[in-house]
C-alpha atoms as a PDB file:
ATOM      1  CA  MET A   1      11.993 -42.128 -88.001  1.00  0.00           C
ATOM      2  CA  ASP A   2       9.503 -43.745 -85.636  1.00  0.00           C
ATOM      3  CA  THR A   3       5.763 -43.973 -85.464  1.00  0.00           C
ATOM      4  CA  THR A   4       5.016 -43.270 -81.867  1.00  0.00           C
ATOM      5  CA  GLU A   5       2.084 -41.035 -80.880  1.00  0.00           C
ATOM      6  CA  TRP A   6       4.517 -38.078 -80.904  1.00  0.00           C
ATOM      7  CA  PRO A   7       6.724 -39.063 -83.886  1.00  0.00           C
ATOM      8  CA  SER A   8      10.300 -37.974 -84.524  1.00  0.00           C
ATOM      9  CA  LEU A   9      10.899 -36.216 -87.736  1.00  0.00           C
ATOM     10  CA  ARG A  10      13.894 -34.107 -88.435  1.00  0.00           C
ATOM     11  CA  VAL A  11      13.127 -31.162 -90.581  1.00  0.00           C
ATOM     12  CA  ASP A  12      16.398 -31.506 -92.564  1.00  0.00           C
ATOM     13  CA  ASP A  13      15.511 -35.101 -93.261  1.00  0.00           C
ATOM     14  CA  TRP A  14      12.345 -34.207 -95.126  1.00  0.00           C
ATOM     15  CA  ALA A  15      12.733 -30.703 -96.260  1.00  0.00           C
ATOM     16  CA  PRO A  16      12.464 -31.534-100.057  1.00  0.00           C
ATOM     17  CA  THR A  17       9.232 -33.505 -99.390  1.00  0.00           C
ATOM     18  CA  ARG A  18       7.880 -30.701 -97.164  1.00  0.00           C
ATOM     19  CA  ASP A  19       8.556 -28.158 -99.917  1.00  0.00           C
ATOM     20  CA  THR A  20       6.753 -30.364-102.464  1.00  0.00           C
ATOM     21  CA  VAL A  21       3.696 -30.831-100.136  1.00  0.00           C
ATOM     22  CA  HIS A  22       3.699 -27.097 -99.454  1.00  0.00           C
ATOM     23  CA  MET A  23       3.029 -26.445-103.180  1.00  0.00           C
ATOM     24  CA  TRP A  24       0.407 -29.011-103.254  1.00  0.00           C
ATOM     25  CA  THR A  25      -1.379 -27.424-100.388  1.00  0.00           C
ATOM     26  CA  GLN A  26      -1.155 -24.016-101.969  1.00  0.00           C
ATOM     27  CA  ILE A  27      -2.842 -25.400-105.187  1.00  0.00           C
ATOM     28  CA  VAL A  28      -5.698 -27.061-103.170  1.00  0.00           C
ATOM     29  CA  GLY A  29      -5.932 -24.062-100.903  1.00  0.00           C
ATOM     30  CA  LYS A  30      -6.361 -21.648-103.677  1.00  0.00           C
ATOM     31  CA  ILE A  31      -8.970 -23.887-105.271  1.00  0.00           C
ATOM     32  CA  ARG A  32     -10.997 -23.631-102.063  1.00  0.00           C
ATOM     33  CA  MET A  33     -10.383 -19.855-101.842  1.00  0.00           C
ATOM     34  CA  SER A  34     -11.743 -19.389-105.351  1.00  0.00           C
ATOM     35  CA  HIS A  35     -15.175 -20.801-104.309  1.00  0.00           C
ATOM     36  CA  MET A  36     -15.496 -19.286-100.864  1.00  0.00           C
ATOM     37  CA  PRO A  37     -16.826 -15.854 -99.705  1.00  0.00           C
ATOM     38  CA  LEU A  38     -14.355 -13.769 -97.754  1.00  0.00           C
ATOM     39  CA  ILE A  39     -14.313 -14.423 -94.017  1.00  0.00           C
ATOM     40  CA  ASN A  40     -12.494 -12.138 -91.622  1.00  0.00           C
ATOM     41  CA  HIS A  41      -8.739 -12.833 -91.340  1.00  0.00           C
ATOM     42  CA  TRP A  42      -8.845 -15.305 -94.391  1.00  0.00           C
ATOM     43  CA  TRP A  43     -10.505 -18.022 -92.299  1.00  0.00           C
ATOM     44  CA  GLN A  44     -12.142 -19.303 -95.550  1.00  0.00           C
ATOM     45  CA  VAL A  45      -8.964 -20.309 -97.260  1.00  0.00           C
ATOM     46  CA  THR A  46      -7.534 -22.792 -94.728  1.00  0.00           C
ATOM     47  CA  LEU A  47      -7.215 -26.565 -94.459  1.00  0.00           C
ATOM     48  CA  TYR A  48      -7.942 -28.756 -91.577  1.00  0.00           C
ATOM     49  CA  VAL A  49      -6.434 -31.844 -89.972  1.00  0.00           C
ATOM     50  CA  SER A  50      -8.465 -34.846 -90.655  1.00  0.00           C
ATOM     51  CA  ALA A  51      -8.404 -38.552 -89.643  1.00  0.00           C
ATOM     52  CA  ARG A  52      -6.449 -39.263 -92.896  1.00  0.00           C
ATOM     53  CA  GLY A  53      -4.436 -36.089 -93.638  1.00  0.00           C
ATOM     54  CA  LEU A  54      -5.528 -32.510 -94.531  1.00  0.00           C
ATOM     55  CA  THR A  55      -8.959 -31.557 -95.859  1.00  0.00           C
ATOM     56  CA  THR A  56     -10.590 -28.375 -97.299  1.00  0.00           C
ATOM     57  CA  GLY A  57     -13.776 -29.351 -95.567  1.00  0.00           C
ATOM     58  CA  SER A  58     -16.955 -28.602 -97.662  1.00  0.00           C
ATOM     59  CA  VAL A  59     -16.608 -26.059-100.519  1.00  0.00           C
ATOM     60  CA  PRO A  60     -19.668 -24.564-102.317  1.00  0.00           C
ATOM     61  CA  HIS A  61     -20.065 -25.460-105.940  1.00  0.00           C
ATOM     62  CA  GLY A  62     -23.387 -24.169-107.543  1.00  0.00           C
ATOM     63  CA  THR A  63     -26.139 -25.666-105.517  1.00  0.00           C
ATOM     64  CA  GLY A  64     -23.861 -28.476-104.282  1.00  0.00           C
ATOM     65  CA  MET A  65     -20.451 -28.856-102.742  1.00  0.00           C
ATOM     66  CA  PHE A  66     -17.255 -30.693-102.944  1.00  0.00           C
ATOM     67  CA  GLU A  67     -14.228 -31.374-100.748  1.00  0.00           C
ATOM     68  CA  MET A  68     -10.531 -32.210-101.245  1.00  0.00           C
ATOM     69  CA  GLU A  69      -8.548 -34.213 -98.863  1.00  0.00           C
ATOM     70  CA  PHE A  70      -4.879 -35.125 -98.813  1.00  0.00           C
ATOM     71  CA  ASP A  71      -5.042 -38.769 -97.789  1.00  0.00           C
ATOM     72  CA  PHE A  72      -1.497 -39.445 -96.403  1.00  0.00           C
ATOM     73  CA  LEU A  73      -2.332 -43.187 -95.634  1.00  0.00           C
ATOM     74  CA  ASP A  74      -3.401 -44.027 -99.180  1.00  0.00           C
ATOM     75  CA  ASN A  75      -1.095 -41.295-100.785  1.00  0.00           C
ATOM     76  CA  ALA A  76      -3.868 -39.715-102.789  1.00  0.00           C
ATOM     77  CA  LEU A  77      -5.664 -36.307-103.171  1.00  0.00           C
ATOM     78  CA  VAL A  78      -9.288 -37.447-103.013  1.00  0.00           C
ATOM     79  CA  ILE A  79     -11.930 -35.108-104.573  1.00  0.00           C
ATOM     80  CA  ARG A  80     -15.575 -35.808-103.558  1.00  0.00           C
ATOM     81  CA  HIS A  81     -18.614 -34.122-104.936  1.00  0.00           C
ATOM     82  CA  SER A  82     -22.097 -34.012-103.405  1.00  0.00           C
ATOM     83  CA  SER A  83     -23.359 -35.499-106.664  1.00  0.00           C
ATOM     84  CA  GLY A  84     -21.739 -38.708-105.461  1.00  0.00           C
ATOM     85  CA  GLU A  85     -18.939 -38.606-108.050  1.00  0.00           C
ATOM     86  CA  GLN A  86     -15.327 -38.796-106.841  1.00  0.00           C
ATOM     87  CA  ARG A  87     -11.786 -38.387-108.355  1.00  0.00           C
ATOM     88  CA  SER A  88      -8.366 -39.212-107.057  1.00  0.00           C
ATOM     89  CA  VAL A  89      -4.924 -37.850-107.833  1.00  0.00           C
ATOM     90  CA  PRO A  90      -1.912 -39.831-106.713  1.00  0.00           C
ATOM     91  CA  LEU A  91       0.512 -38.335-104.176  1.00  0.00           C
ATOM     92  CA  ALA A  92       3.900 -39.305-105.579  1.00  0.00           C
ATOM     93  CA  ALA A  93       7.424 -38.087-106.356  1.00  0.00           C
ATOM     94  CA  ARG A  94       6.946 -36.013-109.561  1.00  0.00           C
ATOM     95  CA  ALA A  95       7.016 -32.432-110.660  1.00  0.00           C
ATOM     96  CA  VAL A  96       4.389 -30.004-109.059  1.00  0.00           C
ATOM     97  CA  ALA A  97       3.515 -29.011-112.690  1.00  0.00           C
ATOM     98  CA  GLU A  98       2.301 -32.606-113.369  1.00  0.00           C
ATOM     99  CA  PHE A  99       0.298 -32.607-110.081  1.00  0.00           C
ATOM    100  CA  TYR A 100      -1.203 -29.331-110.861  1.00  0.00           C
ATOM    101  CA  GLN A 101      -2.349 -30.447-114.381  1.00  0.00           C
ATOM    102  CA  GLU A 102      -3.779 -33.759-113.094  1.00  0.00           C
ATOM    103  CA  THR A 103      -5.665 -31.986-110.318  1.00  0.00           C
ATOM    104  CA  MET A 104      -7.137 -29.483-112.572  1.00  0.00           C
ATOM    105  CA  ALA A 105      -8.190 -32.246-115.086  1.00  0.00           C
ATOM    106  CA  ALA A 106      -9.784 -34.104-112.218  1.00  0.00           C
ATOM    107  CA  LEU A 107     -11.823 -31.122-111.166  1.00  0.00           C
ATOM    108  CA  ALA A 108     -12.848 -30.568-114.823  1.00  0.00           C
ATOM    109  CA  ASP A 109     -14.199 -34.071-114.872  1.00  0.00           C
ATOM    110  CA  LEU A 110     -16.479 -33.033-112.051  1.00  0.00           C
ATOM    111  CA  GLY A 111     -17.518 -29.783-113.668  1.00  0.00           C
ATOM    112  CA  ILE A 112     -15.457 -27.773-111.364  1.00  0.00           C
ATOM    113  CA  ARG A 113     -13.382 -24.995-113.057  1.00  0.00           C
ATOM    114  CA  PRO A 114     -11.798 -22.723-110.511  1.00  0.00           C
ATOM    115  CA  GLU A 115     -10.095 -19.541-111.440  1.00  0.00           C
ATOM    116  CA  PHE A 116      -7.190 -18.359-109.244  1.00  0.00           C
ATOM    117  CA  GLN A 117      -3.727 -16.845-109.345  1.00  0.00           C
ATOM    118  CA  THR A 118      -1.594 -19.865-110.397  1.00  0.00           C
ATOM    119  CA  SER A 119       1.588 -19.166-108.578  1.00  0.00           C
ATOM    120  CA  PRO A 120       2.353 -19.603-104.757  1.00  0.00           C
ATOM    121  CA  ASN A 121       2.334 -16.993-102.165  1.00  0.00           C
ATOM    122  CA  GLU A 122       4.651 -16.339 -99.146  1.00  0.00           C
ATOM    123  CA  VAL A 123       7.703 -18.103-100.877  1.00  0.00           C
ATOM    124  CA  ASP A 124      10.406 -16.765-102.921  1.00  0.00           C
ATOM    125  CA  PRO A 125      10.948 -17.720-105.692  1.00  0.00           C
ATOM    126  CA  ALA A 126       7.225 -18.095-106.594  1.00  0.00           C
ATOM    127  CA  ILE A 127       7.359 -20.623-109.474  1.00  0.00           C
ATOM    128  CA  PRO A 128       4.048 -20.795-111.384  1.00  0.00           C
ATOM    129  CA  PHE A 129       2.486 -24.187-110.644  1.00  0.00           C
ATOM    130  CA  ALA A 130       2.298 -25.078-114.349  1.00  0.00           C
ATOM    131  CA  GLU A 131       6.034 -24.483-114.732  1.00  0.00           C
ATOM    132  CA  ASP A 132       7.186 -26.049-111.469  1.00  0.00           C
ATOM    133  CA  GLY A 133       9.595 -28.771-112.352  1.00  0.00           C
ATOM    134  CA  HIS A 134      11.827 -27.985-109.362  1.00  0.00           C
ATOM    135  CA  HIS A 135       9.733 -29.511-106.596  1.00  0.00           C
ATOM    136  CA  THR A 136       9.617 -33.170-107.368  1.00  0.00           C
ATOM    137  CA  GLU A 137      10.458 -35.169-104.141  1.00  0.00           C
ATOM    138  CA  TYR A 138       7.776 -37.016-102.048  1.00  0.00           C
ATOM    139  CA  ASP A 139       8.581 -39.454 -99.243  1.00  0.00           C
ATOM    140  CA  PRO A 140       5.285 -40.995 -98.205  1.00  0.00           C
ATOM    141  CA  GLU A 141       6.487 -42.051 -94.804  1.00  0.00           C
ATOM    142  CA  ALA A 142       7.794 -38.449 -93.979  1.00  0.00           C
ATOM    143  CA  ALA A 143       4.377 -37.064 -95.074  1.00  0.00           C
ATOM    144  CA  ARG A 144       2.565 -39.580 -92.762  1.00  0.00           C
ATOM    145  CA  LEU A 145       4.794 -38.681 -89.797  1.00  0.00           C
ATOM    146  CA  PHE A 146       4.211 -34.916 -90.433  1.00  0.00           C
ATOM    147  CA  TRP A 147       0.543 -35.606 -90.437  1.00  0.00           C
ATOM    148  CA  ARG A 148       0.849 -37.415 -87.045  1.00  0.00           C
ATOM    149  CA  GLN A 149       2.766 -34.400 -85.653  1.00  0.00           C
ATOM    150  CA  LEU A 150      -0.156 -32.301 -86.823  1.00  0.00           C
ATOM    151  CA  ILE A 151      -2.554 -34.717 -85.118  1.00  0.00           C
ATOM    152  CA  GLN A 152      -0.855 -34.150 -81.816  1.00  0.00           C
ATOM    153  CA  ALA A 153      -0.590 -30.382 -82.281  1.00  0.00           C
ATOM    154  CA  ASP A 154      -4.242 -30.185 -83.285  1.00  0.00           C
ATOM    155  CA  ARG A 155      -5.411 -32.055 -80.173  1.00  0.00           C
ATOM    156  CA  VAL A 156      -3.572 -29.907 -77.785  1.00  0.00           C
ATOM    157  CA  ILE A 157      -4.422 -26.658 -79.487  1.00  0.00           C
ATOM    158  CA  HIS A 158      -8.183 -27.512 -79.573  1.00  0.00           C
ATOM    159  CA  ASP A 159      -8.050 -28.034 -75.785  1.00  0.00           C
ATOM    160  CA  PHE A 160      -6.310 -24.625 -75.420  1.00  0.00           C
ATOM    161  CA  ARG A 161      -8.893 -23.021 -77.598  1.00  0.00           C
ATOM    162  CA  SER A 162     -11.747 -24.374 -75.385  1.00  0.00           C
ATOM    163  CA  HIS A 163     -10.730 -21.994 -72.539  1.00  0.00           C
ATOM    164  CA  PHE A 164     -11.492 -18.791 -74.478  1.00  0.00           C
ATOM    165  CA  VAL A 165     -15.088 -17.400 -74.959  1.00  0.00           C
ATOM    166  CA  GLY A 166     -14.006 -14.399 -76.839  1.00  0.00           C
ATOM    167  CA  LYS A 167     -13.506 -14.224 -80.600  1.00  0.00           C
ATOM    168  CA  VAL A 168     -11.212 -17.117 -81.539  1.00  0.00           C
ATOM    169  CA  SER A 169     -10.304 -18.736 -84.875  1.00  0.00           C
ATOM    170  CA  PRO A 170     -10.729 -22.388 -85.744  1.00  0.00           C
ATOM    171  CA  VAL A 171      -7.592 -24.571 -85.377  1.00  0.00           C
ATOM    172  CA  HIS A 172      -6.730 -24.471 -89.064  1.00  0.00           C
ATOM    173  CA  PHE A 173      -3.788 -25.009 -91.441  1.00  0.00           C
ATOM    174  CA  PHE A 174      -2.562 -22.062 -93.452  1.00  0.00           C
ATOM    175  CA  TRP A 175      -1.077 -23.245 -96.791  1.00  0.00           C
ATOM    176  CA  GLY A 176       0.681 -19.854 -97.390  1.00  0.00           C
ATOM    177  CA  SER A 177       2.956 -20.132 -94.295  1.00  0.00           C
ATOM    178  CA  PHE A 178       2.498 -23.904 -94.062  1.00  0.00           C
ATOM    179  CA  ASP A 179       1.551 -24.039 -90.366  1.00  0.00           C
ATOM    180  CA  LEU A 180      -1.217 -25.010 -87.997  1.00  0.00           C
ATOM    181  CA  ALA A 181      -2.679 -21.957 -86.131  1.00  0.00           C
ATOM    182  CA  CYS A 182      -5.239 -20.717 -83.620  1.00  0.00           C
ATOM    183  CA  THR A 183      -5.646 -17.100 -82.890  1.00  0.00           C
ATOM    184  CA  ARG A 184      -7.348 -15.306 -79.971  1.00  0.00           C
ATOM    185  CA  PHE A 185      -8.582 -11.795 -80.163  1.00  0.00           C
ATOM    186  CA  SER A 186      -8.905  -9.170 -77.485  1.00  0.00           C
ATOM    187  CA  GLY A 187     -11.851  -7.268 -79.242  1.00  0.00           C
ATOM    188  CA  GLY A 188      -9.787  -4.191 -80.031  1.00  0.00           C
ATOM    189  CA  ASN A 189      -8.567  -3.015 -83.404  1.00  0.00           C
ATOM    190  CA  ALA A 190      -4.855  -3.215 -84.457  1.00  0.00           C
ATOM    191  CA  PRO A 191      -2.683  -0.810 -86.520  1.00  0.00           C
ATOM    192  CA  ASP A 192      -2.319  -1.774 -90.145  1.00  0.00           C
ATOM    193  CA  HIS A 193       0.228  -4.576 -90.563  1.00  0.00           C
ATOM    194  CA  PRO A 194       3.344  -3.479 -92.401  1.00  0.00           C
ATOM    195  CA  GLY A 195       3.184  -6.646 -94.603  1.00  0.00           C
ATOM    196  CA  GLY A 196       6.391  -7.744 -96.127  1.00  0.00           C
ATOM    197  CA  ALA A 197       5.679 -11.404 -96.818  1.00  0.00           C
ATOM    198  CA  PRO A 198       7.192 -12.559-100.082  1.00  0.00           C
ATOM    199  CA  ASN A 199       4.993 -12.607-103.091  1.00  0.00           C
ATOM    200  CA  CYS A 200       1.940 -11.591-101.109  1.00  0.00           C
ATOM    201  CA  GLY A 201       0.272  -8.157-101.100  1.00  0.00           C
ATOM    202  CA  ASP A 202       0.578  -6.133 -98.013  1.00  0.00           C
ATOM    203  CA  TRP A 203      -3.231  -5.806 -98.106  1.00  0.00           C
ATOM    204  CA  VAL A 204      -3.452  -9.495 -97.344  1.00  0.00           C
ATOM    205  CA  MET A 205      -1.584  -9.077 -94.048  1.00  0.00           C
ATOM    206  CA  VAL A 206      -3.721  -5.952 -93.182  1.00  0.00           C
ATOM    207  CA  GLU A 207      -6.887  -8.096 -93.358  1.00  0.00           C
ATOM    208  CA  GLY A 208      -5.296 -11.036 -91.480  1.00  0.00           C
ATOM    209  CA  TYR A 209      -4.067  -8.767 -88.673  1.00  0.00           C
ATOM    210  CA  SER A 210      -6.866  -6.166 -88.511  1.00  0.00           C
ATOM    211  CA  HIS A 211      -7.578  -6.736 -84.783  1.00  0.00           C
ATOM    212  CA  GLU A 212      -5.362  -7.199 -81.646  1.00  0.00           C
ATOM    213  CA  LEU A 213      -4.457 -10.807 -81.286  1.00  0.00           C
ATOM    214  CA  SER A 214      -2.422 -13.577 -79.717  1.00  0.00           C
ATOM    215  CA  SER A 215      -1.745 -16.375 -82.096  1.00  0.00           C
ATOM    216  CA  CYS A 216      -0.172 -19.853 -81.553  1.00  0.00           C
ATOM    217  CA  GLY A 217       0.430 -22.929 -83.547  1.00  0.00           C
ATOM    218  CA  PHE A 218       2.837 -25.547 -84.944  1.00  0.00           C
ATOM    219  CA  TRP A 219       5.261 -25.074 -87.742  1.00  0.00           C
ATOM    220  CA  PRO A 220       7.642 -27.631 -89.522  1.00  0.00           C
ATOM    221  CA  GLY A 221      10.628 -25.201 -88.984  1.00  0.00           C
ATOM    222  CA  GLY A 222      12.197 -23.374 -86.128  1.00  0.00           C
ATOM    223  CA  GLY A 223      13.675 -26.371 -84.361  1.00  0.00           C
ATOM    224  CA  GLU A 224      15.293 -29.653 -85.285  1.00  0.00           C
ATOM    225  CA  GLU A 225      11.882 -31.276 -85.569  1.00  0.00           C
ATOM    226  CA  GLY A 226       9.780 -28.213 -85.956  1.00  0.00           C
ATOM    227  CA  ALA A 227       8.414 -25.866 -83.234  1.00  0.00           C
ATOM    228  CA  PHE A 228       5.326 -24.667 -81.402  1.00  0.00           C
ATOM    229  CA  TYR A 229       5.083 -20.943 -81.628  1.00  0.00           C
ATOM    230  CA  SER A 230       3.249 -17.994 -80.090  1.00  0.00           C
ATOM    231  CA  TYR A 231       3.313 -14.350 -80.846  1.00  0.00           C
ATOM    232  CA  ALA A 232       1.237 -11.120 -80.402  1.00  0.00           C
ATOM    233  CA  TYR A 233       0.161  -8.469 -82.834  1.00  0.00           C
ATOM    234  CA  PRO A 234       0.689  -5.572 -82.090  1.00  0.00           C
ATOM    235  CA  GLU A 235       3.487  -6.838 -79.793  1.00  0.00           C
ATOM    236  CA  PRO A 236       3.015  -5.146 -76.331  1.00  0.00           C
ATOM    237  CA  ASN A 237       6.021  -3.568 -74.504  1.00  0.00           C
ATOM    238  CA  GLY A 238       7.939  -6.139 -72.655  1.00  0.00           C
ATOM    239  CA  PHE A 239       6.578  -9.131 -74.445  1.00  0.00           C
ATOM    240  CA  ALA A 240       9.932 -10.573 -75.660  1.00  0.00           C
ATOM    241  CA  ASP A 241      11.325 -10.349 -72.127  1.00  0.00           C
ATOM    242  CA  HIS A 242       8.352 -11.738 -70.298  1.00  0.00           C
ATOM    243  CA  PRO A 243       9.054 -15.010 -68.500  1.00  0.00           C
ATOM    244  CA  VAL A 244       7.187 -18.008 -69.927  1.00  0.00           C
ATOM    245  CA  HIS A 245       7.086 -21.742 -69.411  1.00  0.00           C
ATOM    246  CA  PRO A 246       8.576 -24.367 -69.830  1.00  0.00           C
ATOM    247  CA  ASP A 247      12.078 -23.837 -69.589  1.00  0.00           C
ATOM    248  CA  ALA A 248      12.757 -25.020 -73.180  1.00  0.00           C
ATOM    249  CA  ALA A 249      10.774 -22.199 -74.442  1.00  0.00           C
ATOM    250  CA  TYR A 250      12.494 -18.939 -75.654  1.00  0.00           C
ATOM    251  CA  PHE A 251      11.878 -15.848 -77.606  1.00  0.00           C
ATOM    252  CA  SER A 252      13.348 -15.853 -81.174  1.00  0.00           C
ATOM    253  CA  ASN A 253      14.578 -12.459 -82.285  1.00  0.00           C
ATOM    254  CA  LYS A 254      14.709 -13.929 -85.802  1.00  0.00           C
ATOM    255  CA  TYR A 255      11.028 -14.828 -86.012  1.00  0.00           C
ATOM    256  CA  LYS A 256       9.830 -12.336 -83.376  1.00  0.00           C
ATOM    257  CA  GLN A 257       7.884 -14.941 -81.479  1.00  0.00           C
ATOM    258  CA  PHE A 258       8.212 -17.522 -78.613  1.00  0.00           C
ATOM    259  CA  LEU A 259       9.164 -20.959 -79.670  1.00  0.00           C
ATOM    260  CA  LEU A 260       9.057 -24.356 -77.978  1.00  0.00           C
ATOM    261  CA  PRO A 261      11.063 -27.004 -80.084  1.00  0.00           C
ATOM    262  CA  TYR A 262       8.900 -29.867 -81.024  1.00  0.00           C
ATOM    263  CA  GLU A 263      11.544 -32.257 -79.768  1.00  0.00           C
ATOM    264  CA  ALA A 264      11.301 -30.889 -76.242  1.00  0.00           C
ATOM    265  CA  ALA A 265       7.600 -31.816 -76.208  1.00  0.00           C
ATOM    266  CA  ARG A 266       8.013 -35.173 -77.769  1.00  0.00           C
ATOM    267  CA  THR A 267      10.622 -36.269 -75.227  1.00  0.00           C
ATOM    268  CA  ALA A 268       8.705 -34.850 -72.270  1.00  0.00           C
ATOM    269  CA  ALA A 269       7.051 -37.262 -69.728  1.00  0.00           C
ATOM    270  CA  ASP A 270       3.702 -35.458 -70.432  1.00  0.00           C
ATOM    271  CA  PRO A 271       3.880 -33.758 -73.928  1.00  0.00           C
ATOM    272  CA  ASP A 272       0.262 -32.508 -73.700  1.00  0.00           C
ATOM    273  CA  ARG A 273       0.985 -30.710 -70.311  1.00  0.00           C
ATOM    274  CA  LEU A 274       4.229 -29.219 -71.541  1.00  0.00           C
ATOM    275  CA  VAL A 275       2.740 -27.777 -74.734  1.00  0.00           C
ATOM    276  CA  GLY A 276      -0.231 -26.549 -72.751  1.00  0.00           C
ATOM    277  CA  GLU A 277       2.003 -24.646 -70.339  1.00  0.00           C
ATOM    278  CA  PHE A 278       3.683 -22.994 -73.367  1.00  0.00           C
ATOM    279  CA  LEU A 279       0.482 -22.013 -74.958  1.00  0.00           C
ATOM    280  CA  GLN A 280      -1.061 -20.607 -71.736  1.00  0.00           C
ATOM    281  CA  SER A 281       1.926 -18.768 -70.409  1.00  0.00           C
ATOM    282  CA  THR A 282       2.720 -17.068 -73.799  1.00  0.00           C
ATOM    283  CA  TYR A 283      -0.869 -16.083 -74.127  1.00  0.00           C
ATOM    284  CA  ALA A 284      -0.986 -14.670 -70.624  1.00  0.00           C
ATOM    285  CA  ALA A 285       2.139 -12.601 -71.499  1.00  0.00           C
ATOM    286  CA  ALA A 286       0.338 -11.093 -74.477  1.00  0.00           C
ATOM    287  CA  ALA A 287      -2.986 -10.533 -72.729  1.00  0.00           C
ATOM    288  CA  ASP A 288      -1.563  -9.165 -69.503  1.00  0.00           C
ATOM    289  CA  LEU A 289       0.842  -6.801 -71.132  1.00  0.00           C
ATOM    290  CA  GLY A 290      -1.718  -5.826 -73.591  1.00  0.00           C
ATOM    291  CA  HIS A 291      -4.345  -5.065 -70.813  1.00  0.00           C
ATOM    292  CA  TRP A 292      -6.932  -7.522 -72.290  1.00  0.00           C
ATOM    293  CA  ASP A 293     -10.165  -8.027 -70.198  1.00  0.00           C
ATOM    294  CA  ARG A 294      -9.249 -11.542 -69.338  1.00  0.00           C
ATOM    295  CA  ALA A 295     -12.144 -12.059 -66.929  1.00  0.00           C
ATOM    296  CA  ALA A 296     -14.606 -11.457 -69.758  1.00  0.00           C
ATOM    297  CA  LEU A 297     -12.716 -13.395 -72.387  1.00  0.00           C
ATOM    298  CA  GLU A 298     -11.795 -16.723 -70.609  1.00  0.00           C
ATOM    299  CA  ILE A 299     -13.959 -19.564 -69.538  1.00  0.00           C
ATOM    300  CA  ASP A 300     -13.911 -23.008 -67.937  1.00  0.00           C
ATOM    301  CA  PRO A 301     -14.524 -25.658 -70.518  1.00  0.00           C
ATOM    302  CA  ALA A 302     -15.484 -28.097 -67.739  1.00  0.00           C
ATOM    303  CA  ARG A 303     -18.276 -25.798 -66.587  1.00  0.00           C
ATOM    304  CA  TRP A 304     -21.125 -28.146 -67.475  1.00  0.00           C
ATOM    305  CA  HIS A 305     -19.668 -30.915 -65.396  1.00  0.00           C
ATOM    306  CA  ARG A 306     -19.767 -28.703 -62.375  1.00  0.00           C
ATOM    307  CA  ARG A 307     -23.322 -27.612 -62.678  1.00  0.00           C
ATOM    308  CA  PRO A 308     -25.599 -28.139 -59.633  1.00  0.00           C
END
């Protein structure tokens, strides 16, 4: 493992820690979801990359608010309330059940008592959090390196997002699928999604994929060190066979999306440019084959620098 700007972190080397952190993020994500009004495509449930880890951002609570942040530098889940009070739960190698109980106790100390389904989604088996003694491993260095991977992905995807003036999601982290994502929309409706995610109602996917889209992101899977991905829903004819860049990118029949191995970006002379090429070319494939009105949806983010 190294700590360069684009760090190396083999998925196989940290999979047990990844799976533990996945359960932790599900708990915190569900806490946020229980206090938020529904926003289209479930945008109200996500986490965000922060300067220290992953955060919920502000969450309404009565006439105030709170936030929860995974601080991977100090290895703590920090809970801050607008009242000025704060609690902290250590991030350490222990059962998810113990982390869950301590987190709920810390929230109760702040007067926060969320109600939510207390088992994970999009995984199989879905062990209830209070009974999960299976996920116990936590390597702090691996968690920090993953966060640094997310920092790089977040930067590059934010730049890509700035070129789109149509409806587009924030760059956010979905705790169900455990990936960083950003989604562009054509403006048209989409057929009902068939669903099929484990331990997740099909209606959840119908809401998430209610409109025609091109989605991209970063996921700690799909490659030796994770992968950038891009897919379209509904998938237009010819999408899988459409040429994209760079050469290291390919269409995965297993995942039904284009993948760019993270290690290909990390070892490139200009990682930002390489990932940008992947994001743009795969989006163009979805938009062109799907007959999007690209002239109306795209914009130059440097437009104010070129004003008269």
